[in-house]
C-alpha atoms as a PDB file:
ATOM      1  CA  MET A   1     -20.127   1.786  -4.926  1.00  0.00           C
ATOM      2  CA  ALA A   2     -16.484   0.902  -5.745  1.00  0.00           C
ATOM      3  CA  HIS A   3     -15.635  -2.597  -7.515  1.00  0.00           C
ATOM      4  CA  LEU A   4     -12.618  -4.291  -5.792  1.00  0.00           C
ATOM      5  CA  GLN A   5     -11.162  -6.836  -8.240  1.00  0.00           C
ATOM      6  CA  PRO A   6      -8.484  -9.179  -6.904  1.00  0.00           C
ATOM      7  CA  THR A   7      -5.633  -9.991  -9.614  1.00  0.00           C
ATOM      8  CA  HIS A   8      -2.060 -11.528  -9.874  1.00  0.00           C
ATOM      9  CA  ALA A   9      -1.098  -9.020 -12.511  1.00  0.00           C
ATOM     10  CA  PRO A  10       1.952  -6.820 -11.973  1.00  0.00           C
ATOM     11  CA  ILE A  11       1.085  -3.504 -10.328  1.00  0.00           C
ATOM     12  CA  LEU A  12       3.773  -1.564 -12.331  1.00  0.00           C
ATOM     13  CA  ASN A  13       2.097  -2.546 -15.691  1.00  0.00           C
ATOM     14  CA  SER A  14      -1.253  -1.312 -14.522  1.00  0.00           C
ATOM     15  CA  SER A  15      -3.097   1.593 -16.292  1.00  0.00           C
ATOM     16  CA  ALA A  16      -4.505   2.838 -13.015  1.00  0.00           C
ATOM     17  CA  GLN A  17      -4.758   6.525 -12.312  1.00  0.00           C
ATOM     18  CA  LEU A  18      -3.868   6.022  -8.543  1.00  0.00           C
ATOM     19  CA  MET A  19      -1.569   3.718  -7.174  1.00  0.00           C
ATOM     20  CA  ILE A  20      -1.680   2.762  -3.431  1.00  0.00           C
ATOM     21  CA  LEU A  21       1.668   1.717  -1.968  1.00  0.00           C
ATOM     22  CA  PRO A  22       1.863   0.385   1.584  1.00  0.00           C
ATOM     23  CA  VAL A  23       5.018   1.840   3.353  1.00  0.00           C
ATOM     24  CA  ASN A  24       6.481   2.314   6.835  1.00  0.00           C
ATOM     25  CA  ASN A  25       7.303   5.704   8.309  1.00  0.00           C
ATOM     26  CA  ALA A  26      11.057   4.625   8.696  1.00  0.00           C
ATOM     27  CA  GLY A  27      11.621   5.380   5.219  1.00  0.00           C
ATOM     28  CA  ILE A  28      13.049   1.976   4.425  1.00  0.00           C
ATOM     29  CA  LEU A  29      11.577   0.128   1.592  1.00  0.00           C
ATOM     30  CA  LEU A  30      12.482  -3.805   1.533  1.00  0.00           C
ATOM     31  CA  ASP A  31       9.695  -4.933  -0.814  1.00  0.00           C
ATOM     32  CA  PRO A  32      11.033  -5.565  -4.417  1.00  0.00           C
ATOM     33  CA  ILE A  33       8.116  -3.478  -5.952  1.00  0.00           C
ATOM     34  CA  LEU A  34       8.650  -0.697  -3.536  1.00  0.00           C
ATOM     35  CA  THR A  35      12.161  -0.542  -4.269  1.00  0.00           C
ATOM     36  CA  ARG A  36      11.542  -0.391  -7.755  1.00  0.00           C
ATOM     37  CA  SER A  37       9.037   2.361  -7.650  1.00  0.00           C
ATOM     38  CA  LYS A  38      11.807   4.623  -6.096  1.00  0.00           C
ATOM     39  CA  ASN A  39      13.538   4.701  -9.323  1.00  0.00           C
ATOM     40  CA  LEU A  40      10.070   4.882 -11.385  1.00  0.00           C
ATOM     41  CA  TYR A  41       8.730   7.755  -9.271  1.00  0.00           C
ATOM     42  CA  PRO A  42      11.609   9.427  -7.831  1.00  0.00           C
ATOM     43  CA  ASP A  43       9.740  12.617  -6.929  1.00  0.00           C
ATOM     44  CA  ASN A  44       7.350  10.389  -4.968  1.00  0.00           C
ATOM     45  CA  TYR A  45      10.160   8.710  -3.093  1.00  0.00           C
ATOM     46  CA  GLN A  46      11.924  12.147  -2.485  1.00  0.00           C
ATOM     47  CA  ARG A  47       8.840  13.529  -0.757  1.00  0.00           C
ATOM     48  CA  TYR A  48       7.917  10.187   1.350  1.00  0.00           C
ATOM     49  CA  HIS A  49      11.628  10.004   2.367  1.00  0.00           C
ATOM     50  CA  ARG A  50      11.872  13.581   3.489  1.00  0.00           C
ATOM     51  CA  ALA A  51       8.461  13.226   5.220  1.00  0.00           C
ATOM     52  CA  CYS A  52      10.044  10.115   7.262  1.00  0.00           C
ATOM     53  CA  ARG A  53      13.230  12.156   8.024  1.00  0.00           C
ATOM     54  CA  ASP A  54      11.614  14.943   9.484  1.00  0.00           C
ATOM     55  CA  GLY A  55       9.167  13.022  11.510  1.00  0.00           C
ATOM     56  CA  SER A  56       5.962  14.313   9.958  1.00  0.00           C
ATOM     57  CA  LEU A  57       4.755  11.075   8.658  1.00  0.00           C
ATOM     58  CA  MET A  58       2.759   9.270  11.187  1.00  0.00           C
ATOM     59  CA  VAL A  59       1.730   5.661  11.339  1.00  0.00           C
ATOM     60  CA  GLY A  60      -1.543   5.183  10.253  1.00  0.00           C
ATOM     61  CA  SER A  61      -1.823   8.190   7.764  1.00  0.00           C
ATOM     62  CA  CYS A  62      -1.789   8.619   3.971  1.00  0.00           C
ATOM     63  CA  LEU A  63       0.674  10.637   2.135  1.00  0.00           C
ATOM     64  CA  MET A  64      -0.864  11.557  -1.296  1.00  0.00           C
ATOM     65  CA  HIS A  65       1.484  12.367  -3.955  1.00  0.00           C
ATOM     66  CA  LYS A  66       0.597  14.007  -7.354  1.00  0.00           C
ATOM     67  CA  CYS A  67       3.184  12.803  -9.894  1.00  0.00           C
ATOM     68  CA  SER A  68       4.943  15.139 -12.164  1.00  0.00           C
ATOM     69  CA  ARG A  69       4.553  14.493 -15.640  1.00  0.00           C
ATOM     70  CA  GLU A  70       7.522  14.303 -18.009  1.00  0.00           C
ATOM     71  CA  GLN A  71       6.942  16.726 -21.271  1.00  0.00           C
ATOM     72  CA  VAL A  72      10.122  15.655 -23.184  1.00  0.00           C
ATOM     73  CA  GLY A  73      12.747  12.857 -23.407  1.00  0.00           C
ATOM     74  CA  LEU A  74      12.399   9.119 -23.160  1.00  0.00           C
ATOM     75  CA  GLY A  75       9.753   9.163 -20.475  1.00  0.00           C
ATOM     76  CA  VAL A  76       7.171  10.476 -22.849  1.00  0.00           C
ATOM     77  CA  SER A  77       6.604   7.177 -24.599  1.00  0.00           C
ATOM     78  CA  SER A  78       5.680   5.380 -21.251  1.00  0.00           C
ATOM     79  CA  ASN A  79       3.954   8.552 -19.906  1.00  0.00           C
ATOM     80  CA  GLY A  80       0.271   7.056 -20.589  1.00  0.00           C
ATOM     81  CA  ASN A  81       0.934   4.246 -18.216  1.00  0.00           C
ATOM     82  CA  GLN A  82       2.205   6.185 -15.330  1.00  0.00           C
ATOM     83  CA  PRO A  83      -0.279   6.911 -12.218  1.00  0.00           C
ATOM     84  CA  SER A  84      -1.367  10.536 -11.866  1.00  0.00           C
ATOM     85  CA  TYR A  85      -1.297  10.154  -8.080  1.00  0.00           C
ATOM     86  CA  ILE A  86       0.492   7.984  -5.707  1.00  0.00           C
ATOM     87  CA  ALA A  87      -0.829   7.429  -1.993  1.00  0.00           C
ATOM     88  CA  ASN A  88       1.725   6.143   0.359  1.00  0.00           C
ATOM     89  CA  LEU A  89      -0.383   4.166   2.893  1.00  0.00           C
ATOM     90  CA  VAL A  90       1.724   4.273   6.076  1.00  0.00           C
ATOM     91  CA  ILE A  91       0.789   0.857   7.739  1.00  0.00           C
ATOM     92  CA  SER A  92       3.907   0.339  10.180  1.00  0.00           C
ATOM     93  CA  ASP A  93       6.481   1.782  12.039  1.00  0.00           C
ATOM     94  CA  HIS A  94       9.388  -0.072  10.674  1.00  0.00           C
ATOM     95  CA  PRO A  95       9.656  -2.827   7.667  1.00  0.00           C
ATOM     96  CA  TYR A  96      10.378  -5.912   9.960  1.00  0.00           C
ATOM     97  CA  HIS A  97       7.143  -4.752  12.297  1.00  0.00           C
ATOM     98  CA  GLN A  98       3.954  -6.155  11.401  1.00  0.00           C
ATOM     99  CA  THR A  99       0.693  -4.225  10.118  1.00  0.00           C
ATOM    100  CA  ARG A 100      -1.619  -3.763  13.268  1.00  0.00           C
ATOM    101  CA  THR A 101      -5.344  -3.541  12.745  1.00  0.00           C
ATOM    102  CA  ARG A 102      -5.677   0.209  14.201  1.00  0.00           C
ATOM    103  CA  TRP A 103      -2.832   1.398  11.915  1.00  0.00           C
ATOM    104  CA  LEU A 104      -4.366  -0.081   8.663  1.00  0.00           C
ATOM    105  CA  THR A 105      -7.707   1.168   9.826  1.00  0.00           C
ATOM    106  CA  ALA A 106      -6.529   4.799  10.472  1.00  0.00           C
ATOM    107  CA  ALA A 107      -4.453   4.694   6.983  1.00  0.00           C
ATOM    108  CA  LEU A 108      -7.500   3.647   5.157  1.00  0.00           C
ATOM    109  CA  VAL A 109      -9.836   6.190   6.724  1.00  0.00           C
ATOM    110  CA  ASP A 110      -7.289   8.936   5.852  1.00  0.00           C
ATOM    111  CA  LEU A 111      -7.200   7.574   2.310  1.00  0.00           C
ATOM    112  CA  GLN A 112     -10.760   7.399   1.789  1.00  0.00           C
ATOM    113  CA  GLN A 113     -10.913  10.904   2.828  1.00  0.00           C
ATOM    114  CA  GLN A 114      -8.254  12.148   0.425  1.00  0.00           C
ATOM    115  CA  LEU A 115      -9.857   9.808  -2.405  1.00  0.00           C
ATOM    116  CA  VAL A 116     -13.185  11.517  -2.457  1.00  0.00           C
ATOM    117  CA  PRO A 117     -12.168  14.863  -3.800  1.00  0.00           C
ATOM    118  CA  LEU A 118      -9.665  13.128  -6.607  1.00  0.00           C
ATOM    119  CA  ILE A 119     -12.795  11.129  -7.564  1.00  0.00           C
ATOM    120  CA  ARG A 120     -15.150  14.163  -7.555  1.00  0.00           C
ATOM    121  CA  TYR A 121     -13.033  16.687  -9.237  1.00  0.00           C
ATOM    122  CA  GLN A 122     -10.032  14.978 -10.695  1.00  0.00           C
ATOM    123  CA  GLY A 123     -12.035  12.123 -12.405  1.00  0.00           C
ATOM    124  CA  ILE A 124      -9.974   9.105 -10.801  1.00  0.00           C
ATOM    125  CA  ARG A 125     -11.745   6.045 -11.866  1.00  0.00           C
ATOM    126  CA  ARG A 126      -8.987   3.235 -11.650  1.00  0.00           C
ATOM    127  CA  VAL A 127      -6.931   2.607  -8.378  1.00  0.00           C
ATOM    128  CA  ALA A 128      -4.165  -0.207  -7.873  1.00  0.00           C
ATOM    129  CA  LEU A 129      -3.474  -1.356  -4.445  1.00  0.00           C
ATOM    130  CA  LEU A 130      -0.389  -3.372  -3.807  1.00  0.00           C
ATOM    131  CA  ALA A 131      -1.390  -5.906  -1.382  1.00  0.00           C
ATOM    132  CA  ARG A 132       1.977  -7.689  -0.723  1.00  0.00           C
ATOM    133  CA  PRO A 133       3.357  -5.382   1.888  1.00  0.00           C
ATOM    134  CA  LEU A 134       0.040  -5.709   3.886  1.00  0.00           C
ATOM    135  CA  ILE A 135       0.297  -9.356   4.143  1.00  0.00           C
ATOM    136  CA  SER A 136       3.246 -10.477   6.294  1.00  0.00           C
ATOM    137  CA  SER A 137       4.550 -13.919   5.799  1.00  0.00           C
ATOM    138  CA  GLN A 138       6.627 -13.425   8.896  1.00  0.00           C
ATOM    139  CA  GLY A 139       4.589 -14.875  11.804  1.00  0.00           C
ATOM    140  CA  GLN A 140       2.020 -16.231   9.523  1.00  0.00           C
ATOM    141  CA  ASN A 141       3.407 -18.933   7.646  1.00  0.00           C
ATOM    142  CA  THR A 142       6.571 -19.523   9.186  1.00  0.00           C
ATOM    143  CA  PRO A 143       7.150 -19.992  12.982  1.00  0.00           C
ATOM    144  CA  LEU A 144       9.766 -17.647  14.479  1.00  0.00           C
ATOM    145  CA  LYS A 145      13.019 -18.893  15.611  1.00  0.00           C
ATOM    146  CA  ASN A 146      13.446 -19.119  19.454  1.00  0.00           C
ATOM    147  CA  SER A 147      16.330 -19.895  21.433  1.00  0.00           C
ATOM    148  CA  ASP A 148      14.351 -20.757  24.700  1.00  0.00           C
ATOM    149  CA  LYS A 149      11.888 -22.705  22.846  1.00  0.00           C
ATOM    150  CA  ASP A 150       9.146 -20.466  24.586  1.00  0.00           C
ATOM    151  CA  SER A 151       6.006 -20.877  22.608  1.00  0.00           C
ATOM    152  CA  SER A 152       4.496 -17.806  24.243  1.00  0.00           C
ATOM    153  CA  ASP A 153       6.464 -15.439  21.933  1.00  0.00           C
ATOM    154  CA  ASP A 154       5.441 -17.385  18.890  1.00  0.00           C
ATOM    155  CA  GLU A 155       1.594 -16.782  19.909  1.00  0.00           C
ATOM    156  CA  ILE A 156       2.122 -13.320  20.453  1.00  0.00           C
ATOM    157  CA  ALA A 157       3.808 -12.919  17.059  1.00  0.00           C
ATOM    158  CA  LYS A 158       1.003 -14.980  15.570  1.00  0.00           C
ATOM    159  CA  SER A 159      -1.705 -12.982  17.205  1.00  0.00           C
ATOM    160  CA  ILE A 160      -0.336  -9.585  15.984  1.00  0.00           C
ATOM    161  CA  ALA A 161       0.056 -10.895  12.358  1.00  0.00           C
ATOM    162  CA  LEU A 162      -2.943 -10.166  10.370  1.00  0.00           C
ATOM    163  CA  ASP A 163      -4.566 -12.569   7.857  1.00  0.00           C
ATOM    164  CA  TRP A 164      -5.436 -11.606   4.474  1.00  0.00           C
ATOM    165  CA  TYR A 165      -9.059 -13.286   4.279  1.00  0.00           C
ATOM    166  CA  ASN A 166      -9.869 -12.652   7.977  1.00  0.00           C
ATOM    167  CA  ASP A 167      -8.406  -9.262   8.815  1.00  0.00           C
ATOM    168  CA  ILE A 168      -7.086  -7.330   5.727  1.00  0.00           C
ATOM    169  CA  LEU A 169      -9.865  -8.038   3.071  1.00  0.00           C
ATOM    170  CA  PRO A 170     -12.697  -7.034   5.286  1.00  0.00           C
ATOM    171  CA  LEU A 171     -11.042  -3.930   6.401  1.00  0.00           C
ATOM    172  CA  VAL A 172     -10.088  -2.710   2.824  1.00  0.00           C
ATOM    173  CA  THR A 173     -13.660  -3.612   1.677  1.00  0.00           C
ATOM    174  CA  HIS A 174     -15.522  -1.757   4.597  1.00  0.00           C
ATOM    175  CA  HIS A 175     -13.246   1.333   3.992  1.00  0.00           C
ATOM    176  CA  LEU A 176     -13.071   1.583   0.261  1.00  0.00           C
ATOM    177  CA  GLN A 177     -16.175  -0.248  -1.067  1.00  0.00           C
ATOM    178  CA  ASP A 178     -18.645   2.946  -0.441  1.00  0.00           C
ATOM    179  CA  LEU A 179     -16.340   5.157  -2.818  1.00  0.00           C
ATOM    180  CA  PRO A 180     -18.412   5.929  -6.001  1.00  0.00           C
ATOM    181  CA  LYS A 181     -17.659   4.983  -9.440  1.00  0.00           C
ATOM    182  CA  LEU A 182     -14.368   3.590  -8.807  1.00  0.00           C
ATOM    183  CA  ARG A 183     -12.643   0.353  -9.664  1.00  0.00           C
ATOM    184  CA  ILE A 184      -9.877  -0.798  -7.457  1.00  0.00           C
ATOM    185  CA  ASP A 185      -7.575  -3.623  -8.560  1.00  0.00           C
ATOM    186  CA  ILE A 186      -5.873  -5.305  -5.641  1.00  0.00           C
ATOM    187  CA  HIS A 187      -2.443  -6.916  -6.665  1.00  0.00           C
ATOM    188  CA  LEU A 188      -1.968  -9.746  -4.597  1.00  0.00           C
ATOM    189  CA  PRO A 189       1.030 -12.247  -4.578  1.00  0.00           C
ATOM    190  CA  LYS A 190       0.550 -15.387  -6.571  1.00  0.00           C
ATOM    191  CA  ASP A 191       0.537 -17.680  -3.277  1.00  0.00           C
ATOM    192  CA  ILE A 192      -2.964 -16.055  -2.366  1.00  0.00           C
ATOM    193  CA  ASN A 193      -5.827 -17.731  -4.079  1.00  0.00           C
ATOM    194  CA  ILE A 194      -8.296 -15.283  -5.733  1.00  0.00           C
END
């Protein structure tokens, strides 16, 4: 059984062997941590961006990337804290679109299938999941601006937006808890209570 541990610690300082980054298939990263990961892991970003550009990355999939290790230079000193793998969890078709249950479910199933051989043959034991892109504040906490004052659009947006406690956490738990010998740190924004 996997042990899921929520935390407020910064994910980029994590000592996880595998980092899960929720992304979209448009190739546009707006979250500050995702944009910082572009510079920290340029080989992952280039592969992800190329897959988005050629249309081979579908919503509800997971693009697993084995990080290249730096052997010389300044990167060697921080090399021990870098993940061995990065899983790009494709949860949306655009950075401004909400995550949907079917997309998240399909992406988690794909991630689970790719994690089993990594746990079994590569010895992966520590995983870090960035939760902020999964939690959409647009439509959950703030009402949408409407020129017509029509509340039906607000209701549709709120019904599409997934809630962390009622929707996202149960899905993540259901699909990842059965993985053997794994610790999954879920890095949450500070406004979510642990």
